[in-house]
PDB file of N, CA and C in Angstrom:
ATOM      1  N   MET A   1     131.073  92.811 105.268  1.00  0.00           N
ATOM      2  CA  MET A   1     131.401  94.025 105.996  1.00  0.00           C
ATOM      3  C   MET A   1     130.705  93.971 107.357  1.00  0.00           C
ATOM      4  N   THR A   2     131.428  94.282 108.411  1.00  0.00           N
ATOM      5  CA  THR A   2     130.861  94.216 109.746  1.00  0.00           C
ATOM      6  C   THR A   2     130.365  95.586 110.186  1.00  0.00           C
ATOM      7  N   LYS A   3     129.356  95.569 111.017  1.00  0.00           N
ATOM      8  CA  LYS A   3     128.794  96.806 111.542  1.00  0.00           C
ATOM      9  C   LYS A   3     129.693  97.345 112.651  1.00  0.00           C
ATOM     10  N   VAL A   4     129.931  98.634 112.631  1.00  0.00           N
ATOM     11  CA  VAL A   4     130.740  99.269 113.669  1.00  0.00           C
ATOM     12  C   VAL A   4     129.896  99.385 114.936  1.00  0.00           C
ATOM     13  N   GLU A   5     130.486  99.017 116.043  1.00  0.00           N
ATOM     14  CA  GLU A   5     129.791  99.111 117.319  1.00  0.00           C
ATOM     15  C   GLU A   5     129.497 100.570 117.660  1.00  0.00           C
ATOM     16  N   HIS A   6     128.454 100.775 118.389  1.00  0.00           N
ATOM     17  CA  HIS A   6     128.006 102.098 118.800  1.00  0.00           C
ATOM     18  C   HIS A   6     129.026 102.745 119.743  1.00  0.00           C
ATOM     19  N   LEU A   7     129.145 104.058 119.662  1.00  0.00           N
ATOM     20  CA  LEU A   7     129.995 104.831 120.566  1.00  0.00           C
ATOM     21  C   LEU A   7     129.132 105.927 121.169  1.00  0.00           C
ATOM     22  N   THR A   8     129.137 106.039 122.492  1.00  0.00           N
ATOM     23  CA  THR A   8     128.347 107.070 123.154  1.00  0.00           C
ATOM     24  C   THR A   8     129.247 108.236 123.555  1.00  0.00           C
ATOM     25  N   PRO A   9     128.659 109.410 123.789  1.00  0.00           N
ATOM     26  CA  PRO A   9     129.465 110.536 124.265  1.00  0.00           C
ATOM     27  C   PRO A   9     130.216 110.207 125.559  1.00  0.00           C
ATOM     28  N   HIS A  10     129.552 109.514 126.467  1.00  0.00           N
ATOM     29  CA  HIS A  10     130.194 109.140 127.733  1.00  0.00           C
ATOM     30  C   HIS A  10     131.396 108.225 127.481  1.00  0.00           C
ATOM     31  N   GLN A  11     131.233 107.233 126.604  1.00  0.00           N
ATOM     32  CA  GLN A  11     132.336 106.325 126.293  1.00  0.00           C
ATOM     33  C   GLN A  11     133.521 107.094 125.699  1.00  0.00           C
ATOM     34  N   SER A  12     133.222 108.042 124.835  1.00  0.00           N
ATOM     35  CA  SER A  12     134.270 108.838 124.210  1.00  0.00           C
ATOM     36  C   SER A  12     135.043 109.637 125.262  1.00  0.00           C
ATOM     37  N   ARG A  13     134.319 110.325 126.132  1.00  0.00           N
ATOM     38  CA  ARG A  13     134.972 111.106 127.193  1.00  0.00           C
ATOM     39  C   ARG A  13     135.801 110.215 128.114  1.00  0.00           C
ATOM     40  N   GLU A  14     135.221 109.077 128.503  1.00  0.00           N
ATOM     41  CA  GLU A  14     135.907 108.175 129.430  1.00  0.00           C
ATOM     42  C   GLU A  14     137.147 107.572 128.773  1.00  0.00           C
ATOM     43  N   ALA A  15     137.050 107.197 127.516  1.00  0.00           N
ATOM     44  CA  ALA A  15     138.198 106.635 126.801  1.00  0.00           C
ATOM     45  C   ALA A  15     139.310 107.678 126.678  1.00  0.00           C
ATOM     46  N   ARG A  16     138.943 108.916 126.385  1.00  0.00           N
ATOM     47  CA  ARG A  16     139.955 109.982 126.312  1.00  0.00           C
ATOM     48  C   ARG A  16     140.619 110.191 127.662  1.00  0.00           C
ATOM     49  N   ARG A  17     139.826 110.116 128.722  1.00  0.00           N
ATOM     50  CA  ARG A  17     140.372 110.276 130.072  1.00  0.00           C
ATOM     51  C   ARG A  17     141.389 109.175 130.370  1.00  0.00           C
ATOM     52  N   LEU A  18     141.059 107.941 130.013  1.00  0.00           N
ATOM     53  CA  LEU A  18     141.973 106.827 130.238  1.00  0.00           C
ATOM     54  C   LEU A  18     143.298 107.021 129.500  1.00  0.00           C
ATOM     55  N   LEU A  19     143.206 107.578 128.312  1.00  0.00           N
ATOM     56  CA  LEU A  19     144.400 107.790 127.492  1.00  0.00           C
ATOM     57  C   LEU A  19     145.097 109.114 127.791  1.00  0.00           C
ATOM     58  N   ASN A  20     144.434 109.950 128.582  1.00  0.00           N
ATOM     59  CA  ASN A  20     144.930 111.302 128.840  1.00  0.00           C
ATOM     60  C   ASN A  20     145.021 112.100 127.530  1.00  0.00           C
ATOM     61  N   TRP A  21     143.998 111.954 126.703  1.00  0.00           N
ATOM     62  CA  TRP A  21     143.918 112.633 125.411  1.00  0.00           C
ATOM     63  C   TRP A  21     142.970 113.820 125.499  1.00  0.00           C
ATOM     64  N   SER A  22     143.330 114.881 124.857  1.00  0.00           N
ATOM     65  CA  SER A  22     142.432 116.030 124.698  1.00  0.00           C
ATOM     66  C   SER A  22     141.501 115.757 123.513  1.00  0.00           C
ATOM     67  N   ARG A  23     140.513 116.601 123.361  1.00  0.00           N
ATOM     68  CA  ARG A  23     139.644 116.501 122.184  1.00  0.00           C
ATOM     69  C   ARG A  23     140.446 116.738 120.912  1.00  0.00           C
ATOM     70  N   VAL A  24     141.406 117.635 120.999  1.00  0.00           N
ATOM     71  CA  VAL A  24     142.248 117.935 119.835  1.00  0.00           C
ATOM     72  C   VAL A  24     143.007 116.679 119.406  1.00  0.00           C
ATOM     73  N   ARG A  25     143.568 115.970 120.375  1.00  0.00           N
ATOM     74  CA  ARG A  25     144.331 114.759 120.038  1.00  0.00           C
ATOM     75  C   ARG A  25     143.432 113.709 119.392  1.00  0.00           C
ATOM     76  N   LEU A  26     142.236 113.489 119.942  1.00  0.00           N
ATOM     77  CA  LEU A  26     141.318 112.527 119.333  1.00  0.00           C
ATOM     78  C   LEU A  26     140.934 112.985 117.932  1.00  0.00           C
ATOM     79  N   ALA A  27     140.714 114.268 117.762  1.00  0.00           N
ATOM     80  CA  ALA A  27     140.371 114.793 116.442  1.00  0.00           C
ATOM     81  C   ALA A  27     141.485 114.502 115.435  1.00  0.00           C
ATOM     82  N   VAL A  28     142.727 114.737 115.832  1.00  0.00           N
ATOM     83  CA  VAL A  28     143.863 114.484 114.937  1.00  0.00           C
ATOM     84  C   VAL A  28     143.970 112.992 114.633  1.00  0.00           C
ATOM     85  N   LYS A  29     143.894 112.156 115.661  1.00  0.00           N
ATOM     86  CA  LYS A  29     144.038 110.711 115.484  1.00  0.00           C
ATOM     87  C   LYS A  29     142.912 110.110 114.642  1.00  0.00           C
ATOM     88  N   SER A  30     141.737 110.728 114.657  1.00  0.00           N
ATOM     89  CA  SER A  30     140.602 110.206 113.891  1.00  0.00           C
ATOM     90  C   SER A  30     140.359 110.989 112.603  1.00  0.00           C
ATOM     91  N   SER A  31     141.216 111.969 112.324  1.00  0.00           N
ATOM     92  CA  SER A  31     141.103 112.815 111.117  1.00  0.00           C
ATOM     93  C   SER A  31     139.758 113.534 111.043  1.00  0.00           C
ATOM     94  N   LEU A  32     139.324 114.036 112.182  1.00  0.00           N
ATOM     95  CA  LEU A  32     138.068 114.784 112.277  1.00  0.00           C
ATOM     96  C   LEU A  32     138.344 116.149 112.889  1.00  0.00           C
ATOM     97  N   GLY A  33     137.359 117.024 112.833  1.00  0.00           N
ATOM     98  CA  GLY A  33     137.486 118.329 113.454  1.00  0.00           C
ATOM     99  C   GLY A  33     137.239 118.270 114.950  1.00  0.00           C
ATOM    100  N   GLU A  34     137.905 119.155 115.666  1.00  0.00           N
ATOM    101  CA  GLU A  34     137.701 119.222 117.115  1.00  0.00           C
ATOM    102  C   GLU A  34     136.243 119.533 117.445  1.00  0.00           C
ATOM    103  N   GLY A  35     135.596 120.347 116.625  1.00  0.00           N
ATOM    104  CA  GLY A  35     134.188 120.675 116.840  1.00  0.00           C
ATOM    105  C   GLY A  35     133.290 119.455 116.774  1.00  0.00           C
ATOM    106  N   THR A  36     133.617 118.522 115.896  1.00  0.00           N
ATOM    107  CA  THR A  36     132.835 117.284 115.793  1.00  0.00           C
ATOM    108  C   THR A  36     132.910 116.510 117.099  1.00  0.00           C
ATOM    109  N   ILE A  37     134.122 116.409 117.647  1.00  0.00           N
ATOM    110  CA  ILE A  37     134.310 115.680 118.911  1.00  0.00           C
ATOM    111  C   ILE A  37     133.565 116.397 120.033  1.00  0.00           C
ATOM    112  N   GLY A  38     133.767 117.701 120.142  1.00  0.00           N
ATOM    113  CA  GLY A  38     133.129 118.475 121.206  1.00  0.00           C
ATOM    114  C   GLY A  38     131.615 118.451 121.130  1.00  0.00           C
ATOM    115  N   ASP A  39     131.078 118.659 119.932  1.00  0.00           N
ATOM    116  CA  ASP A  39     129.616 118.638 119.776  1.00  0.00           C
ATOM    117  C   ASP A  39     129.037 117.278 120.127  1.00  0.00           C
ATOM    118  N   PHE A  40     129.732 116.213 119.739  1.00  0.00           N
ATOM    119  CA  PHE A  40     129.267 114.865 120.063  1.00  0.00           C
ATOM    120  C   PHE A  40     129.293 114.631 121.565  1.00  0.00           C
ATOM    121  N   GLU A  41     130.420 114.928 122.196  1.00  0.00           N
ATOM    122  CA  GLU A  41     130.545 114.669 123.628  1.00  0.00           C
ATOM    123  C   GLU A  41     129.631 115.544 124.467  1.00  0.00           C
ATOM    124  N   ASN A  42     129.263 116.701 123.965  1.00  0.00           N
ATOM    125  CA  ASN A  42     128.342 117.590 124.691  1.00  0.00           C
ATOM    126  C   ASN A  42     126.886 117.360 124.320  1.00  0.00           C
ATOM    127  N   GLY A  43     126.616 116.388 123.459  1.00  0.00           N
ATOM    128  CA  GLY A  43     125.250 116.042 123.106  1.00  0.00           C
ATOM    129  C   GLY A  43     124.580 116.996 122.137  1.00  0.00           C
ATOM    130  N   ARG A  44     125.357 117.826 121.454  1.00  0.00           N
ATOM    131  CA  ARG A  44     124.774 118.777 120.499  1.00  0.00           C
ATOM    132  C   ARG A  44     124.434 118.150 119.166  1.00  0.00           C
ATOM    133  N   ARG A  45     125.163 117.089 118.786  1.00  0.00           N
ATOM    134  CA  ARG A  45     124.857 116.394 117.541  1.00  0.00           C
ATOM    135  C   ARG A  45     125.454 114.992 117.565  1.00  0.00           C
ATOM    136  N   ILE A  46     124.894 114.138 116.727  1.00  0.00           N
ATOM    137  CA  ILE A  46     125.412 112.792 116.560  1.00  0.00           C
ATOM    138  C   ILE A  46     126.083 112.735 115.192  1.00  0.00           C
ATOM    139  N   PRO A  47     127.386 112.499 115.162  1.00  0.00           N
ATOM    140  CA  PRO A  47     128.095 112.446 113.883  1.00  0.00           C
ATOM    141  C   PRO A  47     127.626 111.275 113.020  1.00  0.00           C
ATOM    142  N   ARG A  48     127.915 111.357 111.736  1.00  0.00           N
ATOM    143  CA  ARG A  48     127.623 110.262 110.817  1.00  0.00           C
ATOM    144  C   ARG A  48     128.369 109.016 111.281  1.00  0.00           C
ATOM    145  N   SER A  49     127.862 107.870 110.868  1.00  0.00           N
ATOM    146  CA  SER A  49     128.424 106.603 111.346  1.00  0.00           C
ATOM    147  C   SER A  49     129.910 106.453 111.021  1.00  0.00           C
ATOM    148  N   TRP A  50     130.360 106.945 109.879  1.00  0.00           N
ATOM    149  CA  TRP A  50     131.777 106.800 109.537  1.00  0.00           C
ATOM    150  C   TRP A  50     132.653 107.648 110.452  1.00  0.00           C
ATOM    151  N   LYS A  51     132.121 108.765 110.943  1.00  0.00           N
ATOM    152  CA  LYS A  51     132.882 109.594 111.877  1.00  0.00           C
ATOM    153  C   LYS A  51     132.966 108.919 113.244  1.00  0.00           C
ATOM    154  N   LEU A  52     131.857 108.328 113.684  1.00  0.00           N
ATOM    155  CA  LEU A  52     131.880 107.581 114.948  1.00  0.00           C
ATOM    156  C   LEU A  52     132.854 106.407 114.846  1.00  0.00           C
ATOM    157  N   ALA A  53     132.861 105.755 113.684  1.00  0.00           N
ATOM    158  CA  ALA A  53     133.773 104.630 113.472  1.00  0.00           C
ATOM    159  C   ALA A  53     135.228 105.104 113.534  1.00  0.00           C
ATOM    160  N   ALA A  54     135.526 106.252 112.947  1.00  0.00           N
ATOM    161  CA  ALA A  54     136.890 106.791 112.976  1.00  0.00           C
ATOM    162  C   ALA A  54     137.318 107.105 114.405  1.00  0.00           C
ATOM    163  N   MET A  55     136.401 107.664 115.202  1.00  0.00           N
ATOM    164  CA  MET A  55     136.712 107.969 116.596  1.00  0.00           C
ATOM    165  C   MET A  55     136.994 106.682 117.369  1.00  0.00           C
ATOM    166  N   ARG A  56     136.108 105.722 117.214  1.00  0.00           N
ATOM    167  CA  ARG A  56     136.256 104.463 117.940  1.00  0.00           C
ATOM    168  C   ARG A  56     137.547 103.745 117.529  1.00  0.00           C
ATOM    169  N   GLN A  57     137.843 103.721 116.242  1.00  0.00           N
ATOM    170  CA  GLN A  57     139.051 103.059 115.759  1.00  0.00           C
ATOM    171  C   GLN A  57     140.309 103.733 116.307  1.00  0.00           C
ATOM    172  N   ALA A  58     140.301 105.059 116.392  1.00  0.00           N
ATOM    173  CA  ALA A  58     141.453 105.773 116.954  1.00  0.00           C
ATOM    174  C   ALA A  58     141.648 105.407 118.424  1.00  0.00           C
ATOM    175  N   LEU A  59     140.557 105.349 119.164  1.00  0.00           N
ATOM    176  CA  LEU A  59     140.627 105.013 120.586  1.00  0.00           C
ATOM    177  C   LEU A  59     141.072 103.562 120.788  1.00  0.00           C
ATOM    178  N   GLU A  60     140.483 102.655 120.010  1.00  0.00           N
ATOM    179  CA  GLU A  60     140.860 101.245 120.120  1.00  0.00           C
ATOM    180  C   GLU A  60     142.311 101.035 119.681  1.00  0.00           C
ATOM    181  N   GLY A  61     142.745 101.758 118.664  1.00  0.00           N
ATOM    182  CA  GLY A  61     144.122 101.654 118.195  1.00  0.00           C
ATOM    183  C   GLY A  61     145.134 102.094 119.242  1.00  0.00           C
ATOM    184  N   ALA A  62     144.686 102.935 120.168  1.00  0.00           N
ATOM    185  CA  ALA A  62     145.557 103.407 121.251  1.00  0.00           C
ATOM    186  C   ALA A  62     145.469 102.520 122.485  1.00  0.00           C
ATOM    187  N   GLY A  63     144.643 101.463 122.416  1.00  0.00           N
ATOM    188  CA  GLY A  63     144.603 100.518 123.522  1.00  0.00           C
ATOM    189  C   GLY A  63     143.327 100.485 124.334  1.00  0.00           C
ATOM    190  N   VAL A  64     142.297 101.231 123.916  1.00  0.00           N
ATOM    191  CA  VAL A  64     141.031 101.214 124.656  1.00  0.00           C
ATOM    192  C   VAL A  64     140.208  99.997 124.222  1.00  0.00           C
ATOM    193  N   VAL A  65     139.632  99.320 125.208  1.00  0.00           N
ATOM    194  CA  VAL A  65     138.720  98.210 124.965  1.00  0.00           C
ATOM    195  C   VAL A  65     137.364  98.650 125.495  1.00  0.00           C
ATOM    196  N   PHE A  66     136.349  98.579 124.651  1.00  0.00           N
ATOM    197  CA  PHE A  66     135.005  98.970 125.064  1.00  0.00           C
ATOM    198  C   PHE A  66     134.295  97.749 125.616  1.00  0.00           C
ATOM    199  N   ALA A  67     134.179  97.712 126.948  1.00  0.00           N
ATOM    200  CA  ALA A  67     133.569  96.591 127.660  1.00  0.00           C
ATOM    201  C   ALA A  67     132.198  96.990 128.181  1.00  0.00           C
ATOM    202  N   VAL A  68     131.447  96.002 128.647  1.00  0.00           N
ATOM    203  CA  VAL A  68     130.098  96.243 129.162  1.00  0.00           C
ATOM    204  C   VAL A  68     130.103  97.276 130.278  1.00  0.00           C
ATOM    205  N   GLY A  69     131.049  97.226 131.178  1.00  0.00           N
ATOM    206  CA  GLY A  69     131.121  98.153 132.303  1.00  0.00           C
ATOM    207  C   GLY A  69     131.704  99.510 131.964  1.00  0.00           C
ATOM    208  N   GLY A  70     132.102  99.703 130.728  1.00  0.00           N
ATOM    209  CA  GLY A  70     132.706 100.959 130.305  1.00  0.00           C
ATOM    210  C   GLY A  70     134.074 100.716 129.698  1.00  0.00           C
ATOM    211  N   PRO A  71     134.637 101.749 129.083  1.00  0.00           N
ATOM    212  CA  PRO A  71     135.945 101.597 128.452  1.00  0.00           C
ATOM    213  C   PRO A  71     137.027 101.250 129.462  1.00  0.00           C
ATOM    214  N   LYS A  72     137.944 100.394 129.023  1.00  0.00           N
ATOM    215  CA  LYS A  72     139.089 100.006 129.843  1.00  0.00           C
ATOM    216  C   LYS A  72     140.327 100.126 128.970  1.00  0.00           C
ATOM    217  N   LEU A  73     141.464 100.248 129.606  1.00  0.00           N
ATOM    218  CA  LEU A  73     142.724 100.375 128.889  1.00  0.00           C
ATOM    219  C   LEU A  73     143.435  99.035 128.870  1.00  0.00           C
ATOM    220  N   SER A  74     143.697  98.531 127.664  1.00  0.00           N
ATOM    221  CA  SER A  74     144.515  97.328 127.528  1.00  0.00           C
ATOM    222  C   SER A  74     145.949  97.785 127.359  1.00  0.00           C
ATOM    223  N   ASP A  75     146.815  96.911 126.968  1.00  0.00           N
ATOM    224  CA  ASP A  75     148.200  97.300 126.718  1.00  0.00           C
ATOM    225  C   ASP A  75     148.253  98.138 125.456  1.00  0.00           C
ATOM    226  N   PRO A  76     148.651  99.423 125.564  1.00  0.00           N
ATOM    227  CA  PRO A  76     148.725 100.273 124.374  1.00  0.00           C
ATOM    228  C   PRO A  76     149.865  99.841 123.476  1.00  0.00           C
ATOM    229  N   PRO A  77     149.753 100.127 122.177  1.00  0.00           N
ATOM    230  CA  PRO A  77     150.856  99.801 121.270  1.00  0.00           C
ATOM    231  C   PRO A  77     152.135 100.499 121.720  1.00  0.00           C
ATOM    232  N   LYS A  78     153.258  99.847 121.529  1.00  0.00           N
ATOM    233  CA  LYS A  78     154.540 100.440 121.925  1.00  0.00           C
ATOM    234  C   LYS A  78     154.792 101.705 121.126  1.00  0.00           C
ATOM    235  N   GLY A  79     155.325 102.709 121.814  1.00  0.00           N
ATOM    236  CA  GLY A  79     155.663 103.959 121.157  1.00  0.00           C
ATOM    237  C   GLY A  79     154.492 104.912 121.007  1.00  0.00           C
ATOM    238  N   GLU A  80     153.346 104.586 121.562  1.00  0.00           N
ATOM    239  CA  GLU A  80     152.173 105.459 121.460  1.00  0.00           C
ATOM    240  C   GLU A  80     152.265 106.515 122.536  1.00  0.00           C
ATOM    241  N   ALA A  81     152.631 107.708 122.148  1.00  0.00           N
ATOM    242  CA  ALA A  81     152.760 108.822 123.093  1.00  0.00           C
ATOM    243  C   ALA A  81     151.389 109.317 123.493  1.00  0.00           C
ATOM    244  N   GLY A  82     151.289 109.848 124.690  1.00  0.00           N
ATOM    245  CA  GLY A  82     150.040 110.441 125.154  1.00  0.00           C
ATOM    246  C   GLY A  82     149.116 109.452 125.801  1.00  0.00           C
ATOM    247  N   THR A  83     149.567 108.236 126.054  1.00  0.00           N
ATOM    248  CA  THR A  83     148.724 107.266 126.719  1.00  0.00           C
ATOM    249  C   THR A  83     149.052 107.240 128.198  1.00  0.00           C
ATOM    250  N   ALA A  84     148.070 106.889 128.986  1.00  0.00           N
ATOM    251  CA  ALA A  84     148.260 106.819 130.423  1.00  0.00           C
ATOM    252  C   ALA A  84     149.194 105.648 130.733  1.00  0.00           C
ATOM    253  N   THR A  85     150.127 105.859 131.641  1.00  0.00           N
ATOM    254  CA  THR A  85     151.036 104.798 132.058  1.00  0.00           C
ATOM    255  C   THR A  85     151.126 104.798 133.568  1.00  0.00           C
ATOM    256  N   PRO A  86     151.384 103.622 134.147  1.00  0.00           N
ATOM    257  CA  PRO A  86     151.520 103.573 135.613  1.00  0.00           C
ATOM    258  C   PRO A  86     152.756 104.340 136.075  1.00  0.00           C
ATOM    259  N   ASP A  87     152.678 104.883 137.261  1.00  0.00           N
ATOM    260  CA  ASP A  87     153.842 105.554 137.839  1.00  0.00           C
ATOM    261  C   ASP A  87     154.901 104.527 138.143  1.00  0.00           C
ATOM    262  N   GLY A  88     156.115 104.902 137.916  1.00  0.00           N
ATOM    263  CA  GLY A  88     157.113 103.923 138.253  1.00  0.00           C
ATOM    264  C   GLY A  88     158.388 104.275 137.743  1.00  0.00           C
TER     265      GLY A  88
END
Protein backbone atom coordinates (compact mmCIF):
# COMPACT_ATOMS: atom_id res chain seq x y z
CA MET A 1 0.00 0.00 0.00
CA THR A 2 1.42 3.39 -0.95
CA LYS A 3 1.29 6.50 1.17
CA VAL A 4 -0.97 9.27 -0.11
CA GLU A 5 0.91 12.45 -0.85
CA HIS A 6 0.22 15.45 1.35
CA LEU A 7 -2.39 18.03 0.30
CA THR A 8 -2.23 21.59 1.62
CA PRO A 9 -5.09 24.10 1.85
CA HIS A 10 -3.33 26.28 -0.72
CA GLN A 11 -2.96 23.36 -3.14
CA SER A 12 -6.64 22.53 -2.74
CA ARG A 13 -7.74 26.11 -3.45
CA GLU A 14 -5.36 26.46 -6.40
CA ALA A 15 -6.42 23.12 -7.90
CA ARG A 16 -10.09 24.10 -7.61
CA ARG A 17 -9.30 27.41 -9.28
CA LEU A 18 -7.61 25.63 -12.19
CA LEU A 19 -10.65 23.40 -12.63
CA ASN A 20 -13.12 26.22 -11.99
CA TRP A 21 -14.66 24.07 -9.24
CA SER A 22 -16.56 25.35 -6.23
CA ARG A 23 -16.13 23.82 -2.80
CA VAL A 24 -19.49 22.14 -3.32
CA ARG A 25 -18.27 20.45 -6.51
CA LEU A 26 -15.09 19.17 -4.82
CA ALA A 27 -17.18 17.94 -1.91
CA VAL A 28 -19.48 16.01 -4.26
CA LYS A 29 -16.60 14.59 -6.32
CA SER A 30 -14.75 13.46 -3.16
CA SER A 31 -17.90 12.29 -1.30
CA LEU A 32 -17.22 14.69 1.57
CA GLY A 33 -19.13 17.53 3.17
CA GLU A 34 -18.70 21.08 1.97
CA GLY A 35 -17.84 22.06 5.55
CA THR A 36 -14.88 19.68 5.51
CA ILE A 37 -13.51 21.36 2.39
CA GLY A 38 -14.14 24.87 3.70
CA ASP A 39 -12.69 24.22 7.15
CA PHE A 40 -9.59 22.66 5.61
CA GLU A 41 -9.00 25.44 3.10
CA ASN A 42 -9.54 28.10 5.77
CA GLY A 43 -7.12 26.42 8.17
CA ARG A 44 -9.75 25.59 10.81
CA ARG A 45 -9.00 21.87 10.82
CA ILE A 46 -6.97 19.17 9.14
CA PRO A 47 -9.16 16.32 7.88
CA ARG A 48 -8.28 12.68 8.47
CA SER A 49 -5.85 11.22 5.97
CA TRP A 50 -8.54 9.29 4.08
CA LYS A 51 -10.48 12.52 3.54
CA LEU A 52 -7.39 14.30 2.23
CA ALA A 53 -6.78 11.31 -0.04
CA ALA A 54 -10.36 11.51 -1.37
CA MET A 55 -9.93 15.23 -2.11
CA ARG A 56 -6.62 14.71 -3.86
CA GLN A 57 -7.92 11.75 -5.88
CA ALA A 58 -10.94 13.78 -7.05
CA LEU A 59 -8.69 16.64 -8.15
CA GLU A 60 -6.17 14.35 -9.85
CA GLY A 61 -9.01 12.44 -11.53
CA ALA A 62 -10.13 15.72 -13.09
CA GLY A 63 -6.68 16.38 -14.52
CA VAL A 64 -4.75 18.20 -11.78
CA VAL A 65 -1.07 17.31 -11.41
CA PHE A 66 0.56 18.30 -8.12
CA ALA A 67 4.02 19.55 -9.06
CA VAL A 68 6.79 21.16 -7.02
CA GLY A 69 5.82 24.66 -8.21
CA GLY A 70 2.15 24.10 -7.43
CA PRO A 71 -0.82 22.37 -9.02
CA LYS A 72 -1.00 22.33 -12.80
CA LEU A 73 -3.70 21.18 -15.18
CA SER A 74 -2.93 18.26 -17.45
CA ASP A 75 -5.31 17.03 -20.10
CA PRO A 76 -8.61 16.41 -18.27
CA PRO A 77 -10.52 13.21 -18.97
CA LYS A 78 -12.92 13.57 -21.89
CA GLY A 79 -16.44 14.48 -20.91
CA GLU A 80 -15.43 15.98 -17.55
CA ALA A 81 -17.73 18.95 -17.14
CA GLY A 82 -16.67 21.91 -15.04
CA THR A 83 -13.03 21.87 -16.03
CA ALA A 84 -11.20 24.89 -17.31
CA THR A 85 -10.76 24.91 -21.08
CA PRO A 86 -8.96 27.29 -23.42
CA ASP A 87 -11.04 29.85 -25.26
CA GLY A 88 -11.59 28.93 -28.78
